[in-house]
Amino acid sequence: MDPDVVNMFVIAGGTLAIPILAFVASFLLWPSALIRIYYWYWRRTLGMQVRYVHHEDYQFCYSFRGRPGHKPSILMLHGFSAHKDMWLSVVKFLPKNLHLVCVDMPGHEGTTRSSLDDLSIDGQVKRIHQFVECLKLNKKPFHLVGTSMGGNVAGVYAAYYPSDVSSLSLVCPAGLQYSTDNQFVQCLKELQEQEAIQRIPLIPSTPEEMSEMLQLCSYVRFKVPQQILQGLVDVRIPHNNFYRKLFLELVSEKSRYCLHQNMDKIKVPTLIIWGKQDQVLDVSGADILAKSINNCQVELLENCGHSVVMERPRKTAKLIVDFLASVHHTDDNKKLD
């Protein structure tokens, strides 16, 4: 073979080897950096743009796609210790003609974290209202979606600011009072009594604890490589003290049953989505809400745990789109009457 051709192959092979080696090195040495790149790439692929907006000296970070139009905008509130990008798996299956906004909740990711901030559900509702007013999102009533902690906030928001919200989707929301505690809640109460706040199952500090948390939150047993588990932990550890402070606020008397105390004030059409195998918040919460909210549609998902958004993103997106279509169609008919 011609020596020049051999040299060409050697050079080409070396050129290809560089990015491959860089990827392998990132995976092995800096898995947390790889996770951040992954979210950046996914946002870019789905057309979600990141922006910042300020209310006085308080900064909100959010991502969005599309512009306000004839159909209601959709504001999505994530759960405890998550961030706006948790919705990307659902965004993938939502129509591109919808105006979507995913915000980092108070103290999370790019939104301001302040020791003076009120992290109670009431405090978070007020912050989200400030965000809505900054974007003028309530110029026209919007559809509000929330999961877990974000579901608690979303439901209370709809009760406090009814004119802002056209309809509501609550995905396994927190904030309800049950007649009996499930195993997870019993465990939390025992930890509270022991003042063992370092051992809260939803705040992992090791790859092993991260794996246990994923098993707790998901019915589907994801096989996550050790390096990815380490990366997920590395991303969270700098924030764990904040998460503990927030968690203690969420289970305090002021916030624990906030949605329960306000659910009868929710007057907009409401969609409830819940995984039947939820080990964190019992699925019977769906029935509690349905009995208190008029015009309420309940969808229970088989073989699905607490992480509905991650486990069943396509189904979640379809349920929201179909629900919006039915509500929007009804409103249009009322205008014609």
C-alpha atoms as a PDB file:
ATOM      1  CA  MET A   1       0.000   0.000   0.000  1.00  0.00           C
ATOM      2  CA  ASP A   2       1.167   3.535  -0.791  1.00  0.00           C
ATOM      3  CA  PRO A   3       2.881   5.040   2.316  1.00  0.00           C
ATOM      4  CA  ASP A   4       0.891   8.272   1.837  1.00  0.00           C
ATOM      5  CA  VAL A   5      -2.375   6.317   2.022  1.00  0.00           C
ATOM      6  CA  VAL A   6      -1.172   4.545   5.185  1.00  0.00           C
ATOM      7  CA  ASN A   7      -0.272   7.915   6.704  1.00  0.00           C
ATOM      8  CA  MET A   8      -3.705   9.259   5.788  1.00  0.00           C
ATOM      9  CA  PHE A   9      -5.415   6.389   7.612  1.00  0.00           C
ATOM     10  CA  VAL A  10      -3.159   6.861  10.630  1.00  0.00           C
ATOM     11  CA  ILE A  11      -3.928  10.587  10.761  1.00  0.00           C
ATOM     12  CA  ALA A  12      -7.667   9.966  10.263  1.00  0.00           C
ATOM     13  CA  GLY A  13      -7.657   7.291  12.962  1.00  0.00           C
ATOM     14  CA  GLY A  14      -5.846   9.604  15.342  1.00  0.00           C
ATOM     15  CA  THR A  15      -8.279  12.429  14.606  1.00  0.00           C
ATOM     16  CA  LEU A  16     -11.270  10.181  15.332  1.00  0.00           C
ATOM     17  CA  ALA A  17      -9.614   8.803  18.445  1.00  0.00           C
ATOM     18  CA  ILE A  18      -9.343  12.230  20.088  1.00  0.00           C
ATOM     19  CA  PRO A  19     -13.106  12.875  20.554  1.00  0.00           C
ATOM     20  CA  ILE A  20     -13.672   9.216  21.468  1.00  0.00           C
ATOM     21  CA  LEU A  21     -10.958   9.362  24.144  1.00  0.00           C
ATOM     22  CA  ALA A  22     -12.319  12.710  25.343  1.00  0.00           C
ATOM     23  CA  PHE A  23     -15.788  11.183  25.709  1.00  0.00           C
ATOM     24  CA  VAL A  24     -14.443   8.148  27.573  1.00  0.00           C
ATOM     25  CA  ALA A  25     -12.372  10.385  29.849  1.00  0.00           C
ATOM     26  CA  SER A  26     -15.397  12.586  30.567  1.00  0.00           C
ATOM     27  CA  PHE A  27     -17.507   9.530  31.329  1.00  0.00           C
ATOM     28  CA  LEU A  28     -14.928   8.069  33.702  1.00  0.00           C
ATOM     29  CA  LEU A  29     -13.481  11.201  35.294  1.00  0.00           C
ATOM     30  CA  TRP A  30     -16.165  13.903  35.046  1.00  0.00           C
ATOM     31  CA  PRO A  31     -19.577  12.196  34.729  1.00  0.00           C
ATOM     32  CA  SER A  32     -21.320  15.262  36.205  1.00  0.00           C
ATOM     33  CA  ALA A  33     -19.964  17.410  33.348  1.00  0.00           C
ATOM     34  CA  LEU A  34     -21.262  14.855  30.863  1.00  0.00           C
ATOM     35  CA  ILE A  35     -24.723  15.038  32.450  1.00  0.00           C
ATOM     36  CA  ARG A  36     -24.760  18.836  32.048  1.00  0.00           C
ATOM     37  CA  ILE A  37     -23.705  18.521  28.407  1.00  0.00           C
ATOM     38  CA  TYR A  38     -26.445  15.951  27.904  1.00  0.00           C
ATOM     39  CA  TYR A  39     -29.144  18.371  29.139  1.00  0.00           C
ATOM     40  CA  TRP A  40     -27.688  21.211  27.065  1.00  0.00           C
ATOM     41  CA  TYR A  41     -27.773  19.035  23.961  1.00  0.00           C
ATOM     42  CA  TRP A  42     -31.334  17.835  24.661  1.00  0.00           C
ATOM     43  CA  ARG A  43     -32.608  21.397  25.191  1.00  0.00           C
ATOM     44  CA  ARG A  44     -30.968  22.470  21.934  1.00  0.00           C
ATOM     45  CA  THR A  45     -32.431  19.500  20.046  1.00  0.00           C
ATOM     46  CA  LEU A  46     -35.955  20.212  21.331  1.00  0.00           C
ATOM     47  CA  GLY A  47     -35.719  23.948  20.669  1.00  0.00           C
ATOM     48  CA  MET A  48     -35.903  24.967  24.339  1.00  0.00           C
ATOM     49  CA  GLN A  49     -34.118  28.264  25.010  1.00  0.00           C
ATOM     50  CA  VAL A  50     -32.839  29.296  28.454  1.00  0.00           C
ATOM     51  CA  ARG A  51     -33.566  32.809  29.700  1.00  0.00           C
ATOM     52  CA  TYR A  52     -33.399  34.797  32.947  1.00  0.00           C
ATOM     53  CA  VAL A  53     -35.851  37.325  34.323  1.00  0.00           C
ATOM     54  CA  HIS A  54     -35.677  39.428  37.489  1.00  0.00           C
ATOM     55  CA  HIS A  55     -38.177  40.555  40.090  1.00  0.00           C
ATOM     56  CA  GLU A  56     -36.317  43.299  41.942  1.00  0.00           C
ATOM     57  CA  ASP A  57     -33.082  41.520  43.034  1.00  0.00           C
ATOM     58  CA  TYR A  58     -34.493  37.996  42.651  1.00  0.00           C
ATOM     59  CA  GLN A  59     -33.518  35.995  39.538  1.00  0.00           C
ATOM     60  CA  PHE A  60     -35.657  33.340  37.882  1.00  0.00           C
ATOM     61  CA  CYS A  61     -34.161  30.908  35.359  1.00  0.00           C
ATOM     62  CA  TYR A  62     -36.463  29.269  32.842  1.00  0.00           C
ATOM     63  CA  SER A  63     -36.550  27.571  29.470  1.00  0.00           C
ATOM     64  CA  PHE A  64     -39.200  28.116  26.825  1.00  0.00           C
ATOM     65  CA  ARG A  65     -40.328  27.139  23.355  1.00  0.00           C
ATOM     66  CA  GLY A  66     -42.788  28.933  21.097  1.00  0.00           C
ATOM     67  CA  ARG A  67     -44.787  32.096  21.693  1.00  0.00           C
ATOM     68  CA  PRO A  68     -48.162  32.875  23.264  1.00  0.00           C
ATOM     69  CA  GLY A  69     -50.961  32.261  20.782  1.00  0.00           C
ATOM     70  CA  HIS A  70     -54.575  31.214  20.504  1.00  0.00           C
ATOM     71  CA  LYS A  71     -54.029  28.181  22.714  1.00  0.00           C
ATOM     72  CA  PRO A  72     -53.153  28.630  26.403  1.00  0.00           C
ATOM     73  CA  SER A  73     -49.490  28.792  27.329  1.00  0.00           C
ATOM     74  CA  ILE A  74     -48.255  25.938  29.536  1.00  0.00           C
ATOM     75  CA  LEU A  75     -46.221  26.615  32.686  1.00  0.00           C
ATOM     76  CA  MET A  76     -44.517  23.541  34.190  1.00  0.00           C
ATOM     77  CA  LEU A  77     -43.348  23.281  37.821  1.00  0.00           C
ATOM     78  CA  HIS A  78     -40.856  20.547  38.737  1.00  0.00           C
ATOM     79  CA  GLY A  79     -40.552  18.555  41.947  1.00  0.00           C
ATOM     80  CA  PHE A  80     -38.268  18.597  44.974  1.00  0.00           C
ATOM     81  CA  SER A  81     -34.513  18.771  44.201  1.00  0.00           C
ATOM     82  CA  ALA A  82     -35.141  18.587  40.432  1.00  0.00           C
ATOM     83  CA  HIS A  83     -34.882  21.361  37.819  1.00  0.00           C
ATOM     84  CA  LYS A  84     -36.571  22.679  34.691  1.00  0.00           C
ATOM     85  CA  ASP A  85     -34.880  20.076  32.467  1.00  0.00           C
ATOM     86  CA  MET A  86     -36.788  17.211  34.105  1.00  0.00           C
ATOM     87  CA  TRP A  87     -39.670  18.151  31.773  1.00  0.00           C
ATOM     88  CA  LEU A  88     -37.629  17.600  28.593  1.00  0.00           C
ATOM     89  CA  SER A  89     -38.793  13.984  28.296  1.00  0.00           C
ATOM     90  CA  VAL A  90     -42.400  15.262  28.173  1.00  0.00           C
ATOM     91  CA  VAL A  91     -41.585  18.297  25.997  1.00  0.00           C
ATOM     92  CA  LYS A  92     -40.296  15.849  23.370  1.00  0.00           C
ATOM     93  CA  PHE A  93     -43.873  14.630  22.812  1.00  0.00           C
ATOM     94  CA  LEU A  94     -45.690  17.973  23.034  1.00  0.00           C
ATOM     95  CA  PRO A  95     -46.740  19.784  19.823  1.00  0.00           C
ATOM     96  CA  LYS A  96     -44.310  22.475  18.699  1.00  0.00           C
ATOM     97  CA  ASN A  97     -47.121  24.990  18.243  1.00  0.00           C
ATOM     98  CA  LEU A  98     -47.660  25.205  22.016  1.00  0.00           C
ATOM     99  CA  HIS A  99     -45.998  27.904  24.090  1.00  0.00           C
ATOM    100  CA  LEU A 100     -44.089  26.050  26.838  1.00  0.00           C
ATOM    101  CA  VAL A 101     -42.365  27.517  29.887  1.00  0.00           C
ATOM    102  CA  CYS A 102     -40.373  25.415  32.398  1.00  0.00           C
ATOM    103  CA  VAL A 103     -39.055  27.336  35.408  1.00  0.00           C
ATOM    104  CA  ASP A 104     -36.478  26.441  38.041  1.00  0.00           C
ATOM    105  CA  MET A 105     -38.350  26.504  41.346  1.00  0.00           C
ATOM    106  CA  PRO A 106     -37.118  28.815  44.150  1.00  0.00           C
ATOM    107  CA  GLY A 107     -33.568  27.939  45.194  1.00  0.00           C
ATOM    108  CA  HIS A 108     -33.129  25.352  42.436  1.00  0.00           C
ATOM    109  CA  GLU A 109     -30.574  25.416  39.589  1.00  0.00           C
ATOM    110  CA  GLY A 110     -30.465  28.929  38.056  1.00  0.00           C
ATOM    111  CA  THR A 111     -33.131  30.547  40.234  1.00  0.00           C
ATOM    112  CA  THR A 112     -31.960  32.598  43.220  1.00  0.00           C
ATOM    113  CA  ARG A 113     -31.169  30.756  46.444  1.00  0.00           C
ATOM    114  CA  SER A 114     -31.384  33.025  49.474  1.00  0.00           C
ATOM    115  CA  SER A 115     -31.205  32.203  53.179  1.00  0.00           C
ATOM    116  CA  LEU A 116     -33.947  34.806  53.642  1.00  0.00           C
ATOM    117  CA  ASP A 117     -36.332  33.189  51.167  1.00  0.00           C
ATOM    118  CA  ASP A 118     -39.626  31.710  52.362  1.00  0.00           C
ATOM    119  CA  LEU A 119     -39.456  28.098  51.163  1.00  0.00           C
ATOM    120  CA  SER A 120     -42.912  27.154  52.423  1.00  0.00           C
ATOM    121  CA  ILE A 121     -45.536  26.253  49.837  1.00  0.00           C
ATOM    122  CA  ASP A 122     -47.154  29.662  50.341  1.00  0.00           C
ATOM    123  CA  GLY A 123     -43.772  31.333  49.843  1.00  0.00           C
ATOM    124  CA  GLN A 124     -43.092  29.370  46.661  1.00  0.00           C
ATOM    125  CA  VAL A 125     -46.560  30.179  45.297  1.00  0.00           C
ATOM    126  CA  LYS A 126     -45.870  33.883  45.784  1.00  0.00           C
ATOM    127  CA  ARG A 127     -42.504  33.554  44.022  1.00  0.00           C
ATOM    128  CA  ILE A 128     -44.065  31.745  41.060  1.00  0.00           C
ATOM    129  CA  HIS A 129     -46.687  34.492  40.848  1.00  0.00           C
ATOM    130  CA  GLN A 130     -43.867  37.048  40.667  1.00  0.00           C
ATOM    131  CA  PHE A 131     -42.334  35.016  37.840  1.00  0.00           C
ATOM    132  CA  VAL A 132     -45.668  34.867  36.003  1.00  0.00           C
ATOM    133  CA  GLU A 133     -46.088  38.631  36.281  1.00  0.00           C
ATOM    134  CA  CYS A 134     -42.508  39.268  35.119  1.00  0.00           C
ATOM    135  CA  LEU A 135     -43.234  37.314  31.918  1.00  0.00           C
ATOM    136  CA  LYS A 136     -46.781  38.708  31.690  1.00  0.00           C
ATOM    137  CA  LEU A 137     -47.800  35.093  31.321  1.00  0.00           C
ATOM    138  CA  ASN A 138     -51.146  35.865  32.968  1.00  0.00           C
ATOM    139  CA  LYS A 139     -52.087  38.371  30.279  1.00  0.00           C
ATOM    140  CA  LYS A 140     -54.209  35.439  29.165  1.00  0.00           C
ATOM    141  CA  PRO A 141     -55.102  32.469  31.458  1.00  0.00           C
ATOM    142  CA  PHE A 142     -52.557  29.671  31.109  1.00  0.00           C
ATOM    143  CA  HIS A 143     -52.475  25.929  31.753  1.00  0.00           C
ATOM    144  CA  LEU A 144     -50.481  25.086  34.887  1.00  0.00           C
ATOM    145  CA  VAL A 145     -48.714  21.742  35.349  1.00  0.00           C
ATOM    146  CA  GLY A 146     -46.949  20.569  38.499  1.00  0.00           C
ATOM    147  CA  THR A 147     -45.513  17.315  39.784  1.00  0.00           C
ATOM    148  CA  SER A 148     -44.865  16.239  43.393  1.00  0.00           C
ATOM    149  CA  MET A 149     -43.744  19.398  45.278  1.00  0.00           C
ATOM    150  CA  GLY A 150     -44.469  21.355  42.096  1.00  0.00           C
ATOM    151  CA  GLY A 151     -47.961  19.823  42.082  1.00  0.00           C
ATOM    152  CA  ASN A 152     -48.529  21.102  45.608  1.00  0.00           C
ATOM    153  CA  VAL A 153     -47.436  24.577  44.501  1.00  0.00           C
ATOM    154  CA  ALA A 154     -49.492  24.410  41.277  1.00  0.00           C
ATOM    155  CA  GLY A 155     -52.701  23.399  43.059  1.00  0.00           C
ATOM    156  CA  VAL A 156     -52.350  26.120  45.697  1.00  0.00           C
ATOM    157  CA  TYR A 157     -51.492  28.649  42.970  1.00  0.00           C
ATOM    158  CA  ALA A 158     -54.742  27.810  41.162  1.00  0.00           C
ATOM    159  CA  ALA A 159     -56.612  28.326  44.445  1.00  0.00           C
ATOM    160  CA  TYR A 160     -54.903  31.662  45.231  1.00  0.00           C
ATOM    161  CA  TYR A 161     -54.850  33.135  41.708  1.00  0.00           C
ATOM    162  CA  PRO A 162     -57.887  31.662  39.906  1.00  0.00           C
ATOM    163  CA  SER A 163     -57.968  34.346  37.212  1.00  0.00           C
ATOM    164  CA  ASP A 164     -54.425  33.418  36.087  1.00  0.00           C
ATOM    165  CA  VAL A 165     -55.183  29.758  35.378  1.00  0.00           C
ATOM    166  CA  SER A 166     -57.393  28.333  32.633  1.00  0.00           C
ATOM    167  CA  SER A 167     -56.842  24.686  33.593  1.00  0.00           C
ATOM    168  CA  LEU A 168     -54.614  22.556  35.770  1.00  0.00           C
ATOM    169  CA  SER A 169     -52.653  19.290  35.579  1.00  0.00           C
ATOM    170  CA  LEU A 170     -51.447  17.736  38.832  1.00  0.00           C
ATOM    171  CA  VAL A 171     -49.019  14.836  38.507  1.00  0.00           C
ATOM    172  CA  CYS A 172     -48.830  12.828  41.775  1.00  0.00           C
ATOM    173  CA  PRO A 173     -48.901  16.064  43.811  1.00  0.00           C
ATOM    174  CA  ALA A 174     -47.672  16.397  47.384  1.00  0.00           C
ATOM    175  CA  GLY A 175     -49.598  18.287  50.046  1.00  0.00           C
ATOM    176  CA  LEU A 176     -52.471  15.884  50.796  1.00  0.00           C
ATOM    177  CA  GLN A 177     -53.552  14.386  54.098  1.00  0.00           C
ATOM    178  CA  TYR A 178     -54.123  10.624  54.116  1.00  0.00           C
ATOM    179  CA  SER A 179     -56.055   8.525  56.618  1.00  0.00           C
ATOM    180  CA  THR A 180     -53.072   6.157  56.918  1.00  0.00           C
ATOM    181  CA  ASP A 181     -49.367   6.672  56.225  1.00  0.00           C
ATOM    182  CA  ASN A 182     -47.575   4.575  53.625  1.00  0.00           C
ATOM    183  CA  GLN A 183     -44.221   2.941  54.369  1.00  0.00           C
ATOM    184  CA  PHE A 184     -42.208   5.890  53.032  1.00  0.00           C
ATOM    185  CA  VAL A 185     -44.027   8.454  55.194  1.00  0.00           C
ATOM    186  CA  GLN A 186     -43.673   6.209  58.257  1.00  0.00           C
ATOM    187  CA  CYS A 187     -39.922   6.061  57.570  1.00  0.00           C
ATOM    188  CA  LEU A 188     -39.751   9.860  57.333  1.00  0.00           C
ATOM    189  CA  LYS A 189     -41.572  10.287  60.641  1.00  0.00           C
ATOM    190  CA  GLU A 190     -39.131   7.929  62.330  1.00  0.00           C
ATOM    191  CA  LEU A 191     -36.192   9.917  60.924  1.00  0.00           C
ATOM    192  CA  GLN A 192     -37.792  13.156  62.169  1.00  0.00           C
ATOM    193  CA  GLU A 193     -38.195  11.716  65.663  1.00  0.00           C
ATOM    194  CA  GLN A 194     -34.542  10.649  65.613  1.00  0.00           C
ATOM    195  CA  GLU A 195     -33.534  14.034  64.137  1.00  0.00           C
ATOM    196  CA  ALA A 196     -31.611  12.040  61.531  1.00  0.00           C
ATOM    197  CA  ILE A 197     -31.890  14.605  58.747  1.00  0.00           C
ATOM    198  CA  GLN A 198     -28.696  13.308  57.114  1.00  0.00           C
ATOM    199  CA  ARG A 199     -30.530  10.100  56.133  1.00  0.00           C
ATOM    200  CA  ILE A 200     -33.500  11.474  54.187  1.00  0.00           C
ATOM    201  CA  PRO A 201     -34.025   8.949  51.308  1.00  0.00           C
ATOM    202  CA  LEU A 202     -34.718  11.705  48.764  1.00  0.00           C
ATOM    203  CA  ILE A 203     -31.343  13.363  49.425  1.00  0.00           C
ATOM    204  CA  PRO A 204     -28.664  10.841  48.375  1.00  0.00           C
ATOM    205  CA  SER A 205     -24.970  11.397  49.091  1.00  0.00           C
ATOM    206  CA  THR A 206     -23.507   8.220  47.553  1.00  0.00           C
ATOM    207  CA  PRO A 207     -24.074   6.268  44.319  1.00  0.00           C
ATOM    208  CA  GLU A 208     -25.670   3.497  46.408  1.00  0.00           C
ATOM    209  CA  GLU A 209     -28.140   5.945  47.978  1.00  0.00           C
ATOM    210  CA  MET A 210     -28.842   7.389  44.534  1.00  0.00           C
ATOM    211  CA  SER A 211     -29.685   3.917  43.240  1.00  0.00           C
ATOM    212  CA  GLU A 212     -32.000   3.356  46.224  1.00  0.00           C
ATOM    213  CA  MET A 213     -33.744   6.676  45.570  1.00  0.00           C
ATOM    214  CA  LEU A 214     -34.310   5.779  41.920  1.00  0.00           C
ATOM    215  CA  GLN A 215     -35.811   2.446  42.985  1.00  0.00           C
ATOM    216  CA  LEU A 216     -38.047   4.234  45.489  1.00  0.00           C
ATOM    217  CA  CYS A 217     -39.311   6.744  42.930  1.00  0.00           C
ATOM    218  CA  SER A 218     -39.636   4.450  39.899  1.00  0.00           C
ATOM    219  CA  TYR A 219     -41.608   1.293  39.249  1.00  0.00           C
ATOM    220  CA  VAL A 220     -39.462   0.670  36.180  1.00  0.00           C
ATOM    221  CA  ARG A 221     -36.056  -0.581  37.271  1.00  0.00           C
ATOM    222  CA  PHE A 222     -33.577   1.485  35.288  1.00  0.00           C
ATOM    223  CA  LYS A 223     -30.112  -0.041  34.907  1.00  0.00           C
ATOM    224  CA  VAL A 224     -27.946   2.991  35.551  1.00  0.00           C
ATOM    225  CA  PRO A 225     -24.139   2.601  35.202  1.00  0.00           C
ATOM    226  CA  GLN A 226     -22.101   3.295  38.330  1.00  0.00           C
ATOM    227  CA  GLN A 227     -20.377   6.264  36.686  1.00  0.00           C
ATOM    228  CA  ILE A 228     -23.714   7.918  35.870  1.00  0.00           C
ATOM    229  CA  LEU A 229     -24.914   7.326  39.437  1.00  0.00           C
ATOM    230  CA  GLN A 230     -21.695   8.996  40.633  1.00  0.00           C
ATOM    231  CA  GLY A 231     -22.296  11.896  38.250  1.00  0.00           C
ATOM    232  CA  LEU A 232     -25.865  12.355  39.493  1.00  0.00           C
ATOM    233  CA  VAL A 233     -24.593  12.420  43.084  1.00  0.00           C
ATOM    234  CA  ASP A 234     -21.755  14.833  42.245  1.00  0.00           C
ATOM    235  CA  VAL A 235     -24.263  17.261  40.745  1.00  0.00           C
ATOM    236  CA  ARG A 236     -26.467  17.108  43.868  1.00  0.00           C
ATOM    237  CA  ILE A 237     -23.976  17.063  46.756  1.00  0.00           C
ATOM    238  CA  PRO A 238     -23.179  20.831  46.693  1.00  0.00           C
ATOM    239  CA  HIS A 239     -26.928  21.471  47.113  1.00  0.00           C
ATOM    240  CA  ASN A 240     -27.772  18.840  49.730  1.00  0.00           C
ATOM    241  CA  ASN A 241     -27.754  21.254  52.680  1.00  0.00           C
ATOM    242  CA  PHE A 242     -30.300  23.400  50.856  1.00  0.00           C
ATOM    243  CA  TYR A 243     -32.376  20.334  49.998  1.00  0.00           C
ATOM    244  CA  ARG A 244     -32.451  19.319  53.678  1.00  0.00           C
ATOM    245  CA  LYS A 245     -33.584  22.798  54.697  1.00  0.00           C
ATOM    246  CA  LEU A 246     -36.261  22.783  51.996  1.00  0.00           C
ATOM    247  CA  PHE A 247     -37.431  19.268  52.876  1.00  0.00           C
ATOM    248  CA  LEU A 248     -37.887  20.170  56.545  1.00  0.00           C
ATOM    249  CA  GLU A 249     -39.956  23.169  55.445  1.00  0.00           C
ATOM    250  CA  LEU A 250     -42.121  21.023  53.160  1.00  0.00           C
ATOM    251  CA  VAL A 251     -42.957  18.545  55.942  1.00  0.00           C
ATOM    252  CA  SER A 252     -43.607  21.285  58.514  1.00  0.00           C
ATOM    253  CA  GLU A 253     -47.151  21.985  59.725  1.00  0.00           C
ATOM    254  CA  LYS A 254     -47.304  25.097  57.549  1.00  0.00           C
ATOM    255  CA  SER A 255     -46.719  23.260  54.254  1.00  0.00           C
ATOM    256  CA  ARG A 256     -47.373  19.533  54.672  1.00  0.00           C
ATOM    257  CA  TYR A 257     -51.117  19.655  53.898  1.00  0.00           C
ATOM    258  CA  CYS A 258     -51.253  22.932  51.994  1.00  0.00           C
ATOM    259  CA  LEU A 259     -52.890  21.463  48.880  1.00  0.00           C
ATOM    260  CA  HIS A 260     -55.416  19.553  51.001  1.00  0.00           C
ATOM    261  CA  GLN A 261     -56.387  22.763  52.804  1.00  0.00           C
ATOM    262  CA  ASN A 262     -56.948  24.628  49.522  1.00  0.00           C
ATOM    263  CA  MET A 263     -58.207  21.968  47.088  1.00  0.00           C
ATOM    264  CA  ASP A 264     -61.868  22.956  47.497  1.00  0.00           C
ATOM    265  CA  LYS A 265     -60.942  26.438  46.218  1.00  0.00           C
ATOM    266  CA  ILE A 266     -59.730  25.053  42.867  1.00  0.00           C
ATOM    267  CA  LYS A 267     -62.432  25.921  40.323  1.00  0.00           C
ATOM    268  CA  VAL A 268     -60.710  25.323  36.973  1.00  0.00           C
ATOM    269  CA  PRO A 269     -60.877  22.051  34.979  1.00  0.00           C
ATOM    270  CA  THR A 270     -58.273  19.754  36.504  1.00  0.00           C
ATOM    271  CA  LEU A 271     -56.416  16.676  35.256  1.00  0.00           C
ATOM    272  CA  ILE A 272     -54.958  14.311  37.863  1.00  0.00           C
ATOM    273  CA  ILE A 273     -52.246  11.879  36.720  1.00  0.00           C
ATOM    274  CA  TRP A 274     -50.865   9.308  39.155  1.00  0.00           C
ATOM    275  CA  GLY A 275     -48.772   6.161  38.960  1.00  0.00           C
ATOM    276  CA  LYS A 276     -50.579   3.221  40.554  1.00  0.00           C
ATOM    277  CA  GLN A 277     -47.334   1.912  42.047  1.00  0.00           C
ATOM    278  CA  ASP A 278     -46.253   5.242  43.603  1.00  0.00           C
ATOM    279  CA  GLN A 279     -44.273   4.423  46.775  1.00  0.00           C
ATOM    280  CA  VAL A 280     -43.672   8.060  47.733  1.00  0.00           C
ATOM    281  CA  LEU A 281     -47.184   9.571  47.589  1.00  0.00           C
ATOM    282  CA  ASP A 282     -50.028   7.078  47.701  1.00  0.00           C
ATOM    283  CA  VAL A 283     -52.241   6.856  44.617  1.00  0.00           C
ATOM    284  CA  SER A 284     -55.351   7.214  46.805  1.00  0.00           C
ATOM    285  CA  GLY A 285     -54.553  10.930  46.741  1.00  0.00           C
ATOM    286  CA  ALA A 286     -56.151  11.043  43.290  1.00  0.00           C
ATOM    287  CA  ASP A 287     -59.521  10.083  44.793  1.00  0.00           C
ATOM    288  CA  ILE A 288     -59.138  12.684  47.568  1.00  0.00           C
ATOM    289  CA  LEU A 289     -58.684  15.411  44.944  1.00  0.00           C
ATOM    290  CA  ALA A 290     -61.448  14.119  42.668  1.00  0.00           C
ATOM    291  CA  LYS A 291     -63.975  14.343  45.512  1.00  0.00           C
ATOM    292  CA  SER A 292     -63.106  17.987  46.214  1.00  0.00           C
ATOM    293  CA  ILE A 293     -62.528  19.450  42.737  1.00  0.00           C
ATOM    294  CA  ASN A 294     -65.433  19.807  40.320  1.00  0.00           C
ATOM    295  CA  ASN A 295     -64.713  19.100  36.658  1.00  0.00           C
ATOM    296  CA  CYS A 296     -61.845  16.779  37.568  1.00  0.00           C
ATOM    297  CA  GLN A 297     -60.472  14.029  35.323  1.00  0.00           C
ATOM    298  CA  VAL A 298     -58.377  11.252  36.889  1.00  0.00           C
ATOM    299  CA  GLU A 299     -55.875   9.095  34.978  1.00  0.00           C
ATOM    300  CA  LEU A 300     -54.132   6.272  36.862  1.00  0.00           C
ATOM    301  CA  LEU A 301     -51.144   4.719  35.110  1.00  0.00           C
ATOM    302  CA  GLU A 302     -50.403   1.016  35.418  1.00  0.00           C
ATOM    303  CA  ASN A 303     -46.836  -0.132  36.122  1.00  0.00           C
ATOM    304  CA  CYS A 304     -45.749   3.383  37.021  1.00  0.00           C
ATOM    305  CA  GLY A 305     -44.284   4.843  40.193  1.00  0.00           C
ATOM    306  CA  HIS A 306     -43.769   8.382  41.503  1.00  0.00           C
ATOM    307  CA  SER A 307     -41.520   9.494  38.628  1.00  0.00           C
ATOM    308  CA  VAL A 308     -44.382   9.647  36.145  1.00  0.00           C
ATOM    309  CA  VAL A 309     -42.646  12.287  34.018  1.00  0.00           C
ATOM    310  CA  MET A 310     -39.569  10.077  33.557  1.00  0.00           C
ATOM    311  CA  GLU A 311     -41.308   6.703  33.359  1.00  0.00           C
ATOM    312  CA  ARG A 312     -44.246   7.591  31.096  1.00  0.00           C
ATOM    313  CA  PRO A 313     -43.390  10.839  29.269  1.00  0.00           C
ATOM    314  CA  ARG A 314     -45.246  10.022  26.046  1.00  0.00           C
ATOM    315  CA  LYS A 315     -48.419   9.066  27.926  1.00  0.00           C
ATOM    316  CA  THR A 316     -48.167  12.132  30.166  1.00  0.00           C
ATOM    317  CA  ALA A 317     -47.825  14.426  27.152  1.00  0.00           C
ATOM    318  CA  LYS A 318     -50.767  12.784  25.385  1.00  0.00           C
ATOM    319  CA  LEU A 319     -53.006  13.074  28.442  1.00  0.00           C
ATOM    320  CA  ILE A 320     -52.185  16.773  28.822  1.00  0.00           C
ATOM    321  CA  VAL A 321     -52.707  17.508  25.111  1.00  0.00           C
ATOM    322  CA  ASP A 322     -56.005  15.589  24.971  1.00  0.00           C
ATOM    323  CA  PHE A 323     -57.200  17.271  28.164  1.00  0.00           C
ATOM    324  CA  LEU A 324     -56.324  20.723  26.809  1.00  0.00           C
ATOM    325  CA  ALA A 325     -58.121  19.939  23.561  1.00  0.00           C
ATOM    326  CA  SER A 326     -61.311  18.915  25.387  1.00  0.00           C
ATOM    327  CA  VAL A 327     -61.255  21.955  27.695  1.00  0.00           C
ATOM    328  CA  HIS A 328     -60.381  24.349  24.871  1.00  0.00           C
ATOM    329  CA  HIS A 329     -63.109  22.883  22.641  1.00  0.00           C
ATOM    330  CA  THR A 330     -65.680  23.311  25.418  1.00  0.00           C
ATOM    331  CA  ASP A 331     -64.652  26.944  25.940  1.00  0.00           C
ATOM    332  CA  ASP A 332     -64.963  27.631  22.200  1.00  0.00           C
ATOM    333  CA  ASN A 333     -68.457  26.138  22.178  1.00  0.00           C
ATOM    334  CA  LYS A 334     -69.469  28.325  25.122  1.00  0.00           C
ATOM    335  CA  LYS A 335     -68.342  31.411  23.187  1.00  0.00           C
ATOM    336  CA  LEU A 336     -70.530  30.349  20.262  1.00  0.00           C
ATOM    337  CA  ASP A 337     -73.644  29.859  22.418  1.00  0.00           C
END
